[in-house]
Structure formats: C-alpha cells, structure tokens
Amino acid sequence: KVAIESSSANIILLHNHPSGNSEPSNEDISLTRKLVEAGKLLEIQVFDHLIIAGNSYTSLVEKRVI
C-alpha cells in the first residue's frame, strides 16, 4: 500500500523467520512470485525479497526466485 501511495518505482521485500532458518518456505516463494507479477502490473519493480533469521539472511534474487 505504501509503495502505491508514494508512487514507488522499486521495492525490496523483507521479513523475518523467528525460527532461525532463513531458507524460504514454499509459501514465501509463492507469495514473492505473486508480488512480482502484481508489481509488473503496477509498474513497481521488486528488486529483492530478503528473509532474515538470527545472524543470517537469504536473498530470493540470489536463489533465482525473482
């Protein structure tokens, strides 16, 4: 909502996994792909989706999900 209201051209998604495992779940991957497609319709590019867990993170760009 904020990205649309502020006319953002690009966004980076970020969320945490309190479990300590930064690997994306199937739900994370599915939602990311849906948000990338929605972003295309709105002309908002999703640069990355980062999952933070403890002292580690996973980039869905590096995992080639995006």
PDB file of N, CA and C in Angstrom:
ATOM      1  N   LYS A   1       0.827  -1.190   0.000  1.00  0.00           N
ATOM      2  CA  LYS A   1       0.000   0.000   0.000  1.00  0.00           C
ATOM      3  C   LYS A   1       0.873   1.256   0.000  1.00  0.00           C
ATOM      4  N   VAL A   2       1.892   1.266   0.837  1.00  0.00           N
ATOM      5  CA  VAL A   2       2.774   2.431   0.925  1.00  0.00           C
ATOM      6  C   VAL A   2       3.479   2.667  -0.410  1.00  0.00           C
ATOM      7  N   ALA A   3       3.918   1.582  -1.062  1.00  0.00           N
ATOM      8  CA  ALA A   3       4.608   1.717  -2.349  1.00  0.00           C
ATOM      9  C   ALA A   3       3.702   2.363  -3.389  1.00  0.00           C
ATOM     10  N   ILE A   4       2.444   1.994  -3.394  1.00  0.00           N
ATOM     11  CA  ILE A   4       1.490   2.563  -4.352  1.00  0.00           C
ATOM     12  C   ILE A   4       1.214   4.024  -4.012  1.00  0.00           C
ATOM     13  N   GLU A   5       0.934   4.294  -2.750  1.00  0.00           N
ATOM     14  CA  GLU A   5       0.601   5.660  -2.330  1.00  0.00           C
ATOM     15  C   GLU A   5       1.753   6.637  -2.528  1.00  0.00           C
ATOM     16  N   SER A   6       2.980   6.137  -2.438  1.00  0.00           N
ATOM     17  CA  SER A   6       4.134   7.025  -2.599  1.00  0.00           C
ATOM     18  C   SER A   6       4.715   6.981  -4.011  1.00  0.00           C
ATOM     19  N   SER A   7       4.004   6.317  -4.913  1.00  0.00           N
ATOM     20  CA  SER A   7       4.424   6.211  -6.321  1.00  0.00           C
ATOM     21  C   SER A   7       5.836   5.639  -6.457  1.00  0.00           C
ATOM     22  N   SER A   8       6.123   4.620  -5.676  1.00  0.00           N
ATOM     23  CA  SER A   8       7.441   3.983  -5.733  1.00  0.00           C
ATOM     24  C   SER A   8       7.643   3.291  -7.075  1.00  0.00           C
ATOM     25  N   ALA A   9       8.861   3.343  -7.563  1.00  0.00           N
ATOM     26  CA  ALA A   9       9.211   2.642  -8.798  1.00  0.00           C
ATOM     27  C   ALA A   9       9.792   1.266  -8.493  1.00  0.00           C
ATOM     28  N   ASN A  10      10.362   1.112  -7.292  1.00  0.00           N
ATOM     29  CA  ASN A  10      11.035  -0.124  -6.900  1.00  0.00           C
ATOM     30  C   ASN A  10      10.798  -0.385  -5.419  1.00  0.00           C
ATOM     31  N   ILE A  11      10.803  -1.673  -5.056  1.00  0.00           N
ATOM     32  CA  ILE A  11      10.698  -2.037  -3.644  1.00  0.00           C
ATOM     33  C   ILE A  11      11.606  -3.229  -3.349  1.00  0.00           C
ATOM     34  N   ILE A  12      11.961  -3.366  -2.093  1.00  0.00           N
ATOM     35  CA  ILE A  12      12.629  -4.560  -1.585  1.00  0.00           C
ATOM     36  C   ILE A  12      11.734  -5.099  -0.477  1.00  0.00           C
ATOM     37  N   LEU A  13      11.358  -6.352  -0.597  1.00  0.00           N
ATOM     38  CA  LEU A  13      10.532  -7.000   0.416  1.00  0.00           C
ATOM     39  C   LEU A  13      11.449  -7.581   1.480  1.00  0.00           C
ATOM     40  N   LEU A  14      10.976  -7.599   2.709  1.00  0.00           N
ATOM     41  CA  LEU A  14      11.789  -8.078   3.822  1.00  0.00           C
ATOM     42  C   LEU A  14      10.874  -8.638   4.894  1.00  0.00           C
ATOM     43  N   HIS A  15      11.223  -9.799   5.403  1.00  0.00           N
ATOM     44  CA  HIS A  15      10.527 -10.312   6.582  1.00  0.00           C
ATOM     45  C   HIS A  15      11.458 -11.235   7.350  1.00  0.00           C
ATOM     46  N   ASN A  16      11.056 -11.572   8.564  1.00  0.00           N
ATOM     47  CA  ASN A  16      11.918 -12.411   9.395  1.00  0.00           C
ATOM     48  C   ASN A  16      11.309 -13.789   9.603  1.00  0.00           C
ATOM     49  N   HIS A  17      12.180 -14.727   9.899  1.00  0.00           N
ATOM     50  CA  HIS A  17      11.786 -16.071  10.310  1.00  0.00           C
ATOM     51  C   HIS A  17      12.301 -16.255  11.737  1.00  0.00           C
ATOM     52  N   PRO A  18      11.432 -16.145  12.722  1.00  0.00           N
ATOM     53  CA  PRO A  18      11.866 -16.293  14.117  1.00  0.00           C
ATOM     54  C   PRO A  18      12.461 -17.667  14.425  1.00  0.00           C
ATOM     55  N   SER A  19      12.210 -18.635  13.558  1.00  0.00           N
ATOM     56  CA  SER A  19      12.727 -19.991  13.776  1.00  0.00           C
ATOM     57  C   SER A  19      14.248 -20.051  13.717  1.00  0.00           C
ATOM     58  N   GLY A  20      14.866 -19.033  13.094  1.00  0.00           N
ATOM     59  CA  GLY A  20      16.313 -19.045  12.929  1.00  0.00           C
ATOM     60  C   GLY A  20      16.759 -19.623  11.600  1.00  0.00           C
ATOM     61  N   ASN A  21      15.822 -20.139  10.804  1.00  0.00           N
ATOM     62  CA  ASN A  21      16.127 -20.709   9.491  1.00  0.00           C
ATOM     63  C   ASN A  21      15.706 -19.702   8.425  1.00  0.00           C
ATOM     64  N   SER A  22      16.673 -19.179   7.678  1.00  0.00           N
ATOM     65  CA  SER A  22      16.366 -18.137   6.697  1.00  0.00           C
ATOM     66  C   SER A  22      15.957 -18.683   5.329  1.00  0.00           C
ATOM     67  N   GLU A  23      15.908 -19.993   5.180  1.00  0.00           N
ATOM     68  CA  GLU A  23      15.503 -20.563   3.889  1.00  0.00           C
ATOM     69  C   GLU A  23      14.026 -20.258   3.620  1.00  0.00           C
ATOM     70  N   PRO A  24      13.695 -19.891   2.374  1.00  0.00           N
ATOM     71  CA  PRO A  24      12.307 -19.554   2.061  1.00  0.00           C
ATOM     72  C   PRO A  24      11.406 -20.789   2.072  1.00  0.00           C
ATOM     73  N   SER A  25      10.217 -20.601   2.611  1.00  0.00           N
ATOM     74  CA  SER A  25       9.221 -21.669   2.571  1.00  0.00           C
ATOM     75  C   SER A  25       8.544 -21.656   1.202  1.00  0.00           C
ATOM     76  N   ASN A  26       7.783 -22.688   0.916  1.00  0.00           N
ATOM     77  CA  ASN A  26       7.011 -22.710  -0.332  1.00  0.00           C
ATOM     78  C   ASN A  26       6.060 -21.522  -0.396  1.00  0.00           C
ATOM     79  N   GLU A  27       5.501 -21.154   0.756  1.00  0.00           N
ATOM     80  CA  GLU A  27       4.595 -20.006   0.818  1.00  0.00           C
ATOM     81  C   GLU A  27       5.339 -18.705   0.527  1.00  0.00           C
ATOM     82  N   ASP A  28       6.563 -18.577   1.042  1.00  0.00           N
ATOM     83  CA  ASP A  28       7.384 -17.389   0.759  1.00  0.00           C
ATOM     84  C   ASP A  28       7.620 -17.256  -0.745  1.00  0.00           C
ATOM     85  N   ILE A  29       7.972 -18.352  -1.373  1.00  0.00           N
ATOM     86  CA  ILE A  29       8.263 -18.344  -2.811  1.00  0.00           C
ATOM     87  C   ILE A  29       7.013 -18.015  -3.610  1.00  0.00           C
ATOM     88  N   SER A  30       5.903 -18.633  -3.253  1.00  0.00           N
ATOM     89  CA  SER A  30       4.648 -18.388  -3.959  1.00  0.00           C
ATOM     90  C   SER A  30       4.216 -16.931  -3.829  1.00  0.00           C
ATOM     91  N   LEU A  31       4.258 -16.400  -2.614  1.00  0.00           N
ATOM     92  CA  LEU A  31       3.863 -15.013  -2.397  1.00  0.00           C
ATOM     93  C   LEU A  31       4.794 -14.056  -3.127  1.00  0.00           C
ATOM     94  N   THR A  32       6.077 -14.341  -3.103  1.00  0.00           N
ATOM     95  CA  THR A  32       7.040 -13.484  -3.797  1.00  0.00           C
ATOM     96  C   THR A  32       6.729 -13.423  -5.283  1.00  0.00           C
ATOM     97  N   ARG A  33       6.481 -14.557  -5.883  1.00  0.00           N
ATOM     98  CA  ARG A  33       6.171 -14.586  -7.317  1.00  0.00           C
ATOM     99  C   ARG A  33       4.892 -13.811  -7.624  1.00  0.00           C
ATOM    100  N   LYS A  34       3.899 -13.929  -6.761  1.00  0.00           N
ATOM    101  CA  LYS A  34       2.648 -13.177  -6.949  1.00  0.00           C
ATOM    102  C   LYS A  34       2.891 -11.676  -6.822  1.00  0.00           C
ATOM    103  N   LEU A  35       3.711 -11.281  -5.852  1.00  0.00           N
ATOM    104  CA  LEU A  35       4.003  -9.859  -5.665  1.00  0.00           C
ATOM    105  C   LEU A  35       4.820  -9.296  -6.823  1.00  0.00           C
ATOM    106  N   VAL A  36       5.719 -10.093  -7.379  1.00  0.00           N
ATOM    107  CA  VAL A  36       6.483  -9.658  -8.553  1.00  0.00           C
ATOM    108  C   VAL A  36       5.530  -9.423  -9.725  1.00  0.00           C
ATOM    109  N   GLU A  37       4.588 -10.331  -9.931  1.00  0.00           N
ATOM    110  CA  GLU A  37       3.616 -10.174 -11.022  1.00  0.00           C
ATOM    111  C   GLU A  37       2.712  -8.966 -10.789  1.00  0.00           C
ATOM    112  N   ALA A  38       2.265  -8.782  -9.555  1.00  0.00           N
ATOM    113  CA  ALA A  38       1.444  -7.609  -9.232  1.00  0.00           C
ATOM    114  C   ALA A  38       2.244  -6.331  -9.452  1.00  0.00           C
ATOM    115  N   GLY A  39       3.509  -6.366  -9.072  1.00  0.00           N
ATOM    116  CA  GLY A  39       4.381  -5.211  -9.279  1.00  0.00           C
ATOM    117  C   GLY A  39       4.510  -4.846 -10.747  1.00  0.00           C
ATOM    118  N   LYS A  40       4.577  -5.845 -11.599  1.00  0.00           N
ATOM    119  CA  LYS A  40       4.660  -5.576 -13.040  1.00  0.00           C
ATOM    120  C   LYS A  40       3.421  -4.829 -13.517  1.00  0.00           C
ATOM    121  N   LEU A  41       2.256  -5.243 -13.037  1.00  0.00           N
ATOM    122  CA  LEU A  41       1.012  -4.567 -13.422  1.00  0.00           C
ATOM    123  C   LEU A  41       0.981  -3.121 -12.939  1.00  0.00           C
ATOM    124  N   LEU A  42       1.580  -2.887 -11.774  1.00  0.00           N
ATOM    125  CA  LEU A  42       1.587  -1.549 -11.173  1.00  0.00           C
ATOM    126  C   LEU A  42       2.833  -0.746 -11.534  1.00  0.00           C
ATOM    127  N   GLU A  43       3.702  -1.344 -12.338  1.00  0.00           N
ATOM    128  CA  GLU A  43       4.978  -0.731 -12.719  1.00  0.00           C
ATOM    129  C   GLU A  43       5.844  -0.418 -11.503  1.00  0.00           C
ATOM    130  N   ILE A  44       5.864  -1.374 -10.575  1.00  0.00           N
ATOM    131  CA  ILE A  44       6.726  -1.305  -9.391  1.00  0.00           C
ATOM    132  C   ILE A  44       7.604  -2.550  -9.411  1.00  0.00           C
ATOM    133  N   GLN A  45       8.891  -2.353  -9.632  1.00  0.00           N
ATOM    134  CA  GLN A  45       9.805  -3.488  -9.710  1.00  0.00           C
ATOM    135  C   GLN A  45      10.191  -3.970  -8.316  1.00  0.00           C
ATOM    136  N   VAL A  46      10.108  -5.275  -8.114  1.00  0.00           N
ATOM    137  CA  VAL A  46      10.578  -5.883  -6.868  1.00  0.00           C
ATOM    138  C   VAL A  46      12.054  -6.219  -7.070  1.00  0.00           C
ATOM    139  N   PHE A  47      12.931  -5.477  -6.387  1.00  0.00           N
ATOM    140  CA  PHE A  47      14.372  -5.695  -6.517  1.00  0.00           C
ATOM    141  C   PHE A  47      14.817  -6.984  -5.836  1.00  0.00           C
ATOM    142  N   ASP A  48      14.226  -7.286  -4.684  1.00  0.00           N
ATOM    143  CA  ASP A  48      14.629  -8.475  -3.940  1.00  0.00           C
ATOM    144  C   ASP A  48      13.608  -8.741  -2.848  1.00  0.00           C
ATOM    145  N   HIS A  49      13.670  -9.918  -2.298  1.00  0.00           N
ATOM    146  CA  HIS A  49      12.907 -10.295  -1.109  1.00  0.00           C
ATOM    147  C   HIS A  49      13.910 -10.959  -0.186  1.00  0.00           C
ATOM    148  N   LEU A  50      14.143 -10.336   0.949  1.00  0.00           N
ATOM    149  CA  LEU A  50      15.116 -10.839   1.916  1.00  0.00           C
ATOM    150  C   LEU A  50      14.399 -11.473   3.094  1.00  0.00           C
ATOM    151  N   ILE A  51      14.915 -12.607   3.520  1.00  0.00           N
ATOM    152  CA  ILE A  51      14.401 -13.278   4.712  1.00  0.00           C
ATOM    153  C   ILE A  51      15.520 -13.259   5.748  1.00  0.00           C
ATOM    154  N   ILE A  52      15.230 -12.651   6.883  1.00  0.00           N
ATOM    155  CA  ILE A  52      16.203 -12.509   7.961  1.00  0.00           C
ATOM    156  C   ILE A  52      15.902 -13.546   9.032  1.00  0.00           C
ATOM    157  N   ALA A  53      16.953 -14.199   9.520  1.00  0.00           N
ATOM    158  CA  ALA A  53      16.793 -15.168  10.611  1.00  0.00           C
ATOM    159  C   ALA A  53      18.068 -15.156  11.443  1.00  0.00           C
ATOM    160  N   GLY A  54      17.954 -14.666  12.654  1.00  0.00           N
ATOM    161  CA  GLY A  54      19.141 -14.582  13.506  1.00  0.00           C
ATOM    162  C   GLY A  54      20.203 -13.716  12.859  1.00  0.00           C
ATOM    163  N   ASN A  55      21.398 -14.260  12.675  1.00  0.00           N
ATOM    164  CA  ASN A  55      22.502 -13.524  12.061  1.00  0.00           C
ATOM    165  C   ASN A  55      22.663 -13.828  10.577  1.00  0.00           C
ATOM    166  N   SER A  56      21.677 -14.471   9.976  1.00  0.00           N
ATOM    167  CA  SER A  56      21.789 -14.822   8.563  1.00  0.00           C
ATOM    168  C   SER A  56      20.600 -14.272   7.780  1.00  0.00           C
ATOM    169  N   TYR A  57      20.740 -14.301   6.481  1.00  0.00           N
ATOM    170  CA  TYR A  57      19.645 -13.880   5.614  1.00  0.00           C
ATOM    171  C   TYR A  57      19.698 -14.691   4.327  1.00  0.00           C
ATOM    172  N   THR A  58      18.584 -14.714   3.628  1.00  0.00           N
ATOM    173  CA  THR A  58      18.510 -15.328   2.311  1.00  0.00           C
ATOM    174  C   THR A  58      17.894 -14.321   1.360  1.00  0.00           C
ATOM    175  N   SER A  59      18.515 -14.167   0.205  1.00  0.00           N
ATOM    176  CA  SER A  59      18.024 -13.297  -0.859  1.00  0.00           C
ATOM    177  C   SER A  59      17.329 -14.165  -1.893  1.00  0.00           C
ATOM    178  N   LEU A  60      16.087 -13.841  -2.209  1.00  0.00           N
ATOM    179  CA  LEU A  60      15.383 -14.616  -3.218  1.00  0.00           C
ATOM    180  C   LEU A  60      15.881 -14.299  -4.626  1.00  0.00           C
ATOM    181  N   VAL A  61      16.573 -13.182  -4.801  1.00  0.00           N
ATOM    182  CA  VAL A  61      17.252 -12.926  -6.077  1.00  0.00           C
ATOM    183  C   VAL A  61      18.419 -13.901  -6.218  1.00  0.00           C
ATOM    184  N   GLU A  62      19.203 -14.041  -5.150  1.00  0.00           N
ATOM    185  CA  GLU A  62      20.337 -14.966  -5.197  1.00  0.00           C
ATOM    186  C   GLU A  62      19.880 -16.409  -5.384  1.00  0.00           C
ATOM    187  N   LYS A  63      18.692 -16.735  -4.875  1.00  0.00           N
ATOM    188  CA  LYS A  63      18.124 -18.078  -5.048  1.00  0.00           C
ATOM    189  C   LYS A  63      17.459 -18.236  -6.418  1.00  0.00           C
ATOM    190  N   ARG A  64      17.455 -17.152  -7.186  1.00  0.00           N
ATOM    191  CA  ARG A  64      16.861 -17.120  -8.536  1.00  0.00           C
ATOM    192  C   ARG A  64      15.353 -17.361  -8.534  1.00  0.00           C
ATOM    193  N   VAL A  65      14.701 -16.931  -7.449  1.00  0.00           N
ATOM    194  CA  VAL A  65      13.242 -16.979  -7.387  1.00  0.00           C
ATOM    195  C   VAL A  65      12.670 -15.779  -8.133  1.00  0.00           C
ATOM    196  N   ILE A  66      13.386 -14.650  -8.038  1.00  0.00           N
ATOM    197  CA  ILE A  66      12.962 -13.424  -8.727  1.00  0.00           C
ATOM    198  C   ILE A  66      13.805 -13.284  -9.979  1.00  0.00           C
TER     199      ILE A  66
END
